[in-house]
C-alpha cells in the first residue's frame, strides 16, 4: 500500500485561497454488517453495474468542476487505492488520507484540515445518490456564492418513511431555507426533512469540528454536532432539497437492490458485462453479470448479481442471490 498521504504534484496543486472547490469522500468504514463482502471489499468500491460506487460520486463532483479530491480511507484502503489510482482516468487528482480509528464522521473530517484549503463538498462514500436534475450540485454551489453570506449547505430530501428518518438526521429550517437545528437519529422526528450525506462547507467549518465533543451514546464524534456548533456560532447554513433518492449500503441485500434499481434505469432486461460466459441453456431474468462472470450450468437466474470473476455452478434455479468469487449470498432469507 502506498503511504497514507499521497500529495498532489506541486505543479498541479491549487494556490491557497482559491475559490475553486475541493471534494472530500469518506471511505474508511469497516462495513461489518456487509459481511462477507467486508472481508474482501471496502463498501465504497462495491460494484454498481460493473462500476465502483465511489466512481459515481467522483463523476458527480467532476461534473461541477471539482478537480482535487481527498479520499479518507481505512479498512482495506489499499483496495480503494488500487481501484481508483491517482484519479487521472476520471479527470481528477486524488489525495489519500488514512483514518486509523473510525470514530465518526466528524473525527474523519478533523484529519483533513491540512489538506483542504478551499470550500469543499463532503460525500459519504457508501451511499448511492440520485438528484432531481443534473444541475442540483451546482445549485448548492450557487447558494454558497449568493449574497446571503452562506457558509454551509446541506443536501436534504423529504422522507415519508419515519423509520428511514430515525436512521439518519433531520434538518429543521426556516421558510427561507436557513437551518436552525439538526438532530441525529431522532426517536420522535419533528419534521420530514432528512439529511442525505452530502454537505458543502467553507473552511471555517473546521473551527466547529475541532470543538466537537465525543458523544456518550455512540462514543463517536458526530458531524451533526459539528454542524450545530457551526450554526450556533452564527454561520448561515442552508438546506437544499436536491436529492431524489439515496440508497445506503448497509446489508448485502442493499447491494443487490441497488444494482437491480440501476438496471431498471437502463431499460435493459439484464446487464451482461464484457468477457462473460453463459451456458447456452441458462436463462437470465433481471440479472446483473459483471465483466468475466461465468454461468456454467443450465439454470435460471432471477434477480441475481454475479461479481466479476465469479462462477455460477448451481444445479438449481436461483433467485435474489449474489455470487462472488468467494461466496454465494442469498438475499431472500
Protein backbone atom coordinates (compact mmCIF):
# COMPACT_ATOMS: atom_id res chain seq x y z
CA UNK A 1 0.00 0.00 0.00
CA UNK A 2 1.34 3.48 -0.78
CA UNK A 3 1.93 5.98 2.02
CA UNK A 4 -1.43 7.06 3.52
CA UNK A 5 -0.98 10.70 2.48
CA UNK A 6 -0.25 10.97 -1.23
CA UNK A 7 0.28 14.68 -2.02
CA UNK A 8 -0.65 16.36 -5.25
CA UNK A 9 2.22 17.15 -7.59
CA UNK A 10 3.31 20.71 -6.80
CA UNK A 11 2.71 21.81 -10.39
CA UNK A 12 -0.97 20.83 -10.11
CA UNK A 13 -1.67 21.92 -6.55
CA UNK A 14 -4.04 24.93 -6.48
CA UNK A 15 -2.95 28.18 -4.93
CA UNK A 16 -4.10 28.77 -1.35
CA UNK A 17 -7.15 30.97 -1.12
CA UNK A 18 -8.53 29.86 -4.49
CA UNK A 19 -12.33 29.94 -4.64
CA UNK A 20 -12.35 26.69 -6.57
CA UNK A 21 -14.00 23.78 -4.82
CA UNK A 22 -12.45 20.64 -3.44
CA UNK A 23 -14.16 17.30 -2.87
CA UNK A 24 -13.87 15.05 0.17
CA UNK A 25 -15.22 11.50 0.21
CA UNK A 26 -15.23 9.40 3.38
CA UNK A 27 -14.44 5.78 2.54
CA UNK A 28 -12.92 4.39 5.74
CA UNK A 29 -15.78 2.40 7.28
CA UNK A 30 -15.42 -1.31 8.05
CA UNK A 31 -18.90 -2.26 6.84
CA UNK A 32 -19.29 -5.04 9.41
CA UNK A 33 -22.99 -5.50 8.55
CA UNK A 34 -21.98 -6.19 4.93
CA UNK A 35 -20.16 -9.42 5.73
CA UNK A 36 -18.96 -11.46 3.92
CA UNK A 37 -18.32 -8.59 1.46
CA UNK A 38 -16.42 -6.53 4.01
CA UNK A 39 -13.80 -9.27 4.31
CA UNK A 40 -12.67 -8.67 0.74
CA UNK A 41 -14.20 -5.38 -0.46
CA UNK A 42 -14.46 -1.93 1.12
CA UNK A 43 -18.09 -0.83 0.83
CA UNK A 44 -17.35 2.27 -1.28
CA UNK A 45 -15.89 0.24 -4.14
CA UNK A 46 -18.59 -2.41 -4.29
CA UNK A 47 -19.79 -2.61 -7.90
CA UNK A 48 -22.91 -0.99 -9.32
CA UNK A 49 -23.44 -2.17 -12.92
CA UNK A 50 -19.75 -3.01 -13.08
CA UNK A 51 -18.51 0.33 -11.73
CA UNK A 52 -17.30 1.03 -8.16
CA UNK A 53 -19.82 3.03 -6.14
CA UNK A 54 -17.20 5.72 -5.47
CA UNK A 55 -16.80 6.36 -9.20
CA UNK A 56 -20.38 7.61 -9.41
CA UNK A 57 -19.62 10.18 -6.71
CA UNK A 58 -16.33 11.18 -8.34
CA UNK A 59 -18.11 11.71 -11.66
CA UNK A 60 -20.73 13.90 -9.98
CA UNK A 61 -18.03 16.08 -8.44
CA UNK A 62 -16.07 16.28 -11.67
CA UNK A 63 -19.23 17.39 -13.48
CA UNK A 64 -19.40 20.57 -11.34
CA UNK A 65 -15.73 21.36 -11.88
CA UNK A 66 -14.14 19.71 -8.85
CA UNK A 67 -10.66 18.51 -9.78
CA UNK A 68 -8.95 17.98 -6.42
CA UNK A 69 -10.31 15.22 -4.20
CA UNK A 70 -9.34 13.90 -0.79
CA UNK A 71 -10.40 10.34 0.00
CA UNK A 72 -10.34 9.21 3.61
CA UNK A 73 -9.52 5.51 3.65
CA UNK A 74 -9.20 2.90 6.39
CA UNK A 75 -10.39 -0.71 6.23
CA UNK A 76 -8.86 -2.35 3.13
CA UNK A 77 -7.75 1.09 1.98
CA UNK A 78 -5.24 -0.41 -0.43
CA UNK A 79 -8.16 -1.84 -2.41
CA UNK A 80 -9.62 1.67 -2.77
CA UNK A 81 -6.25 2.96 -3.98
CA UNK A 82 -5.97 0.04 -6.41
CA UNK A 83 -9.45 0.69 -7.82
CA UNK A 84 -9.12 4.47 -8.25
CA UNK A 85 -5.39 5.16 -8.54
CA UNK A 86 -4.43 8.81 -8.95
CA UNK A 87 -7.86 9.70 -10.33
CA UNK A 88 -6.43 10.71 -13.69
CA UNK A 89 -8.79 8.43 -15.59
CA UNK A 90 -11.72 10.36 -14.08
CA UNK A 91 -10.22 13.80 -14.72
CA UNK A 92 -9.38 14.45 -11.05
CA UNK A 93 -6.42 14.35 -8.68
CA UNK A 94 -6.88 12.17 -5.59
CA UNK A 95 -5.06 12.56 -2.29
CA UNK A 96 -5.48 9.64 0.13
CA UNK A 97 -5.60 10.22 3.89
CA UNK A 98 -5.76 7.26 6.26
CA UNK A 99 -8.11 7.27 9.24
CA UNK A 100 -6.58 4.77 11.64
CA UNK A 101 -9.52 4.83 14.06
CA UNK A 102 -13.11 5.04 12.87
CA UNK A 103 -14.59 7.34 15.49
CA UNK A 104 -17.31 9.02 13.49
CA UNK A 105 -17.68 11.38 10.56
CA UNK A 106 -16.50 14.47 12.43
CA UNK A 107 -13.39 12.58 13.52
CA UNK A 108 -12.63 11.77 9.88
CA UNK A 109 -13.15 15.39 8.85
CA UNK A 110 -10.81 16.53 11.62
CA UNK A 111 -7.96 14.75 9.85
CA UNK A 112 -8.39 16.85 6.71
CA UNK A 113 -7.75 20.46 7.64
CA UNK A 114 -4.15 20.46 6.39
CA UNK A 115 -5.31 19.01 3.06
CA UNK A 116 -8.30 21.28 2.38
CA UNK A 117 -7.64 24.93 1.54
CA UNK A 118 -10.94 25.90 -0.08
CA UNK A 119 -14.70 25.35 0.27
CA UNK A 120 -15.36 21.66 -0.10
CA UNK A 121 -18.05 19.12 -0.83
CA UNK A 122 -18.22 16.29 1.68
CA UNK A 123 -19.71 12.97 0.50
CA UNK A 124 -20.34 9.82 2.50
CA UNK A 125 -18.80 7.11 0.34
CA UNK A 126 -21.25 4.26 0.98
CA UNK A 127 -24.38 5.92 -0.41
CA UNK A 128 -25.73 5.96 -3.97
CA UNK A 129 -27.25 9.34 -4.78
CA UNK A 130 -29.70 10.47 -7.43
CA UNK A 131 -30.60 14.13 -7.89
CA UNK A 132 -33.75 15.76 -9.18
CA UNK A 133 -31.78 17.35 -12.03
CA UNK A 134 -28.21 17.32 -13.31
CA UNK A 135 -27.83 20.89 -12.02
CA UNK A 136 -28.57 20.15 -8.37
CA UNK A 137 -24.97 20.03 -7.11
CA UNK A 138 -24.33 23.25 -9.00
CA UNK A 139 -27.31 24.83 -7.24
CA UNK A 140 -25.64 24.08 -3.88
CA UNK A 141 -22.54 25.92 -5.09
CA UNK A 142 -24.67 28.86 -6.21
CA UNK A 143 -26.08 29.14 -2.69
CA UNK A 144 -22.54 29.46 -1.33
CA UNK A 145 -21.82 32.23 -3.85
CA UNK A 146 -25.01 34.16 -3.11
CA UNK A 147 -25.06 37.48 -1.27
CA UNK A 148 -26.69 35.87 1.80
CA UNK A 149 -23.37 35.01 3.42
CA UNK A 150 -23.89 31.24 3.27
CA UNK A 151 -21.11 29.16 4.85
CA UNK A 152 -22.68 25.71 4.58
CA UNK A 153 -25.28 23.84 2.53
CA UNK A 154 -26.86 20.51 3.50
CA UNK A 155 -28.36 18.25 0.83
CA UNK A 156 -31.75 17.04 2.05
CA UNK A 157 -34.84 15.26 0.84
CA UNK A 158 -38.40 14.95 2.05
CA UNK A 159 -38.65 11.48 3.59
CA UNK A 160 -42.10 9.96 4.14
CA UNK A 161 -40.81 6.88 5.97
CA UNK A 162 -40.36 7.71 9.69
CA UNK A 163 -38.08 4.70 10.18
CA UNK A 164 -35.70 5.98 7.50
CA UNK A 165 -35.57 9.35 9.25
CA UNK A 166 -34.77 7.69 12.57
CA UNK A 167 -31.70 6.07 10.99
CA UNK A 168 -30.37 9.41 9.73
CA UNK A 169 -30.76 13.01 10.88
CA UNK A 170 -33.44 15.64 10.49
CA UNK A 171 -32.96 19.22 9.42
CA UNK A 172 -35.11 21.98 10.86
CA UNK A 173 -35.11 25.06 8.64
CA UNK A 174 -36.96 28.36 8.39
CA UNK A 175 -39.05 29.36 5.38
CA UNK A 176 -36.04 31.00 3.70
CA UNK A 177 -34.05 27.74 3.91
CA UNK A 178 -31.81 28.71 6.84
CA UNK A 179 -31.07 25.73 9.06
CA UNK A 180 -31.65 26.33 12.76
CA UNK A 181 -31.16 22.81 14.10
CA UNK A 182 -30.03 19.33 13.13
CA UNK A 183 -30.88 16.25 15.19
CA UNK A 184 -29.06 12.93 14.83
CA UNK A 185 -31.21 9.77 14.73
CA UNK A 186 -34.31 11.30 16.36
CA UNK A 187 -36.65 8.93 18.15
CA UNK A 188 -39.57 11.30 17.57
CA UNK A 189 -38.94 13.20 14.31
CA UNK A 190 -40.45 16.68 14.31
CA UNK A 191 -40.14 17.17 10.56
CA UNK A 192 -39.75 15.02 7.45
CA UNK A 193 -36.67 16.79 6.06
CA UNK A 194 -33.84 14.26 6.15
CA UNK A 195 -30.12 14.86 5.77
CA UNK A 196 -28.67 12.76 2.96
CA UNK A 197 -24.89 12.57 3.37
CA UNK A 198 -23.80 15.40 1.04
CA UNK A 199 -22.54 18.63 2.56
CA UNK A 200 -20.86 21.80 1.29
CA UNK A 201 -18.81 23.88 3.72
CA UNK A 202 -16.28 26.66 3.66
CA UNK A 203 -13.08 26.30 5.68
CA UNK A 204 -14.47 28.00 8.77
CA UNK A 205 -16.29 24.73 9.44
CA UNK A 206 -13.06 23.22 10.77
CA UNK A 207 -13.31 25.55 13.80
CA UNK A 208 -16.54 23.78 14.75
CA UNK A 209 -15.08 20.34 14.04
CA UNK A 210 -12.19 20.95 16.44
CA UNK A 211 -14.66 21.72 19.24
CA UNK A 212 -16.94 18.75 18.63
CA UNK A 213 -17.28 16.57 21.76
CA UNK A 214 -17.29 12.80 21.76
CA UNK A 215 -20.82 11.51 22.27
CA UNK A 216 -21.71 9.35 25.25
CA UNK A 217 -24.27 7.22 23.39
CA UNK A 218 -22.20 6.12 20.38
CA UNK A 219 -18.72 7.08 21.63
CA UNK A 220 -18.08 8.92 18.36
CA UNK A 221 -17.64 12.43 17.03
CA UNK A 222 -20.90 13.19 15.19
CA UNK A 223 -20.96 15.50 12.17
CA UNK A 224 -24.39 16.74 13.27
CA UNK A 225 -22.84 18.03 16.50
CA UNK A 226 -20.24 19.90 14.43
CA UNK A 227 -22.96 21.39 12.24
CA UNK A 228 -24.97 22.53 15.26
CA UNK A 229 -21.89 24.18 16.78
CA UNK A 230 -21.29 25.89 13.42
CA UNK A 231 -24.87 27.18 13.36
CA UNK A 232 -24.75 28.30 16.99
CA UNK A 233 -21.57 30.23 16.19
CA UNK A 234 -23.67 32.36 13.87
CA UNK A 235 -22.73 30.91 10.49
CA UNK A 236 -25.50 30.65 7.94
CA UNK A 237 -26.24 27.08 6.86
CA UNK A 238 -28.96 26.36 4.33
CA UNK A 239 -30.90 23.23 3.35
CA UNK A 240 -31.11 22.29 -0.32
CA UNK A 241 -33.80 19.78 -1.34
CA UNK A 242 -31.77 18.33 -4.21
CA UNK A 243 -31.70 14.57 -3.56
CA UNK A 244 -34.34 12.41 -5.25
CA UNK A 245 -33.04 9.08 -3.97
CA UNK A 246 -30.31 8.00 -1.55
CA UNK A 247 -29.58 4.30 -1.17
CA UNK A 248 -27.30 3.37 1.69
CA UNK A 249 -25.27 0.15 1.53
CA UNK A 250 -25.73 -1.38 4.96
CA UNK A 251 -26.52 -5.02 4.21
CA UNK A 252 -25.84 -7.46 1.38
CA UNK A 253 -29.41 -7.17 0.09
CA UNK A 254 -28.89 -3.41 -0.30
CA UNK A 255 -26.18 -4.05 -2.89
CA UNK A 256 -28.45 -6.39 -4.83
CA UNK A 257 -31.36 -3.95 -4.70
CA UNK A 258 -29.15 -1.07 -5.81
CA UNK A 259 -27.86 -2.99 -8.81
CA UNK A 260 -31.35 -4.07 -9.83
CA UNK A 261 -32.58 -0.49 -9.46
CA UNK A 262 -29.71 0.79 -11.61
CA UNK A 263 -30.51 -1.93 -14.14
CA UNK A 264 -34.12 -0.76 -14.32
CA UNK A 265 -32.94 2.78 -15.11
CA UNK A 266 -31.15 1.46 -18.22
CA UNK A 267 -34.31 -0.16 -19.59
CA UNK A 268 -32.40 -3.36 -20.41
CA UNK A 269 -33.75 -6.77 -19.32
CA UNK A 270 -30.33 -7.71 -17.87
CA UNK A 271 -26.82 -6.28 -17.69
CA UNK A 272 -24.08 -8.51 -19.07
CA UNK A 273 -20.51 -7.24 -18.88
CA UNK A 274 -17.70 -7.98 -21.27
CA UNK A 275 -15.90 -11.31 -21.31
CA UNK A 276 -18.79 -13.19 -19.71
CA UNK A 277 -19.62 -16.83 -20.38
CA UNK A 278 -23.21 -18.08 -20.12
CA UNK A 279 -24.27 -21.69 -20.60
CA UNK A 280 -26.41 -21.93 -23.77
CA UNK A 281 -29.34 -23.36 -21.81
CA UNK A 282 -29.11 -20.90 -18.92
CA UNK A 283 -31.72 -18.15 -18.60
CA UNK A 284 -31.11 -14.67 -17.18
CA UNK A 285 -34.13 -12.82 -15.86
CA UNK A 286 -33.46 -9.35 -14.49
CA UNK A 287 -29.84 -10.07 -13.61
CA UNK A 288 -26.54 -8.18 -13.45
CA UNK A 289 -23.39 -10.02 -14.57
CA UNK A 290 -20.09 -8.17 -14.17
CA UNK A 291 -17.12 -8.48 -16.52
CA UNK A 292 -15.72 -12.00 -16.73
CA UNK A 293 -18.61 -13.64 -14.87
CA UNK A 294 -19.38 -17.25 -15.79
CA UNK A 295 -22.59 -19.28 -15.63
CA UNK A 296 -21.61 -22.87 -16.36
CA UNK A 297 -24.86 -24.73 -15.60
CA UNK A 298 -28.26 -24.73 -17.37
CA UNK A 299 -30.13 -22.85 -14.65
CA UNK A 300 -32.45 -19.86 -14.47
CA UNK A 301 -31.11 -16.88 -12.57
CA UNK A 302 -33.72 -14.35 -11.50
CA UNK A 303 -32.91 -11.04 -9.77
CA UNK A 304 -29.30 -12.11 -9.26
CA UNK A 305 -25.94 -10.32 -9.15
CA UNK A 306 -22.76 -12.06 -10.30
CA UNK A 307 -19.46 -10.37 -9.47
CA UNK A 308 -16.56 -10.02 -11.87
CA UNK A 309 -14.64 -13.28 -11.99
CA UNK A 310 -17.34 -15.26 -10.18
CA UNK A 311 -18.57 -18.61 -11.48
CA UNK A 312 -22.13 -19.87 -11.03
CA UNK A 313 -22.19 -23.66 -10.84
CA UNK A 314 -25.59 -24.02 -9.17
CA UNK A 315 -27.63 -27.10 -10.00
CA UNK A 316 -30.93 -25.43 -9.11
CA UNK A 317 -32.54 -22.19 -10.24
CA UNK A 318 -31.57 -19.21 -8.11
CA UNK A 319 -33.42 -16.04 -7.12
CA UNK A 320 -32.18 -12.92 -5.30
CA UNK A 321 -28.69 -14.32 -4.91
CA UNK A 322 -25.30 -12.63 -5.08
CA UNK A 323 -22.37 -14.66 -6.39
CA UNK A 324 -18.82 -13.52 -5.66
CA UNK A 325 -15.56 -15.39 -6.30
CA UNK A 326 -15.54 -16.21 -2.59
CA UNK A 327 -19.16 -16.82 -1.60
CA UNK A 328 -22.83 -17.24 -2.54
CA UNK A 329 -25.15 -14.92 -0.59
CA UNK A 330 -28.90 -15.46 -0.66
CA UNK A 331 -30.79 -12.24 -0.07
CA UNK A 332 -34.34 -13.58 0.31
CA UNK A 333 -33.78 -15.24 3.66
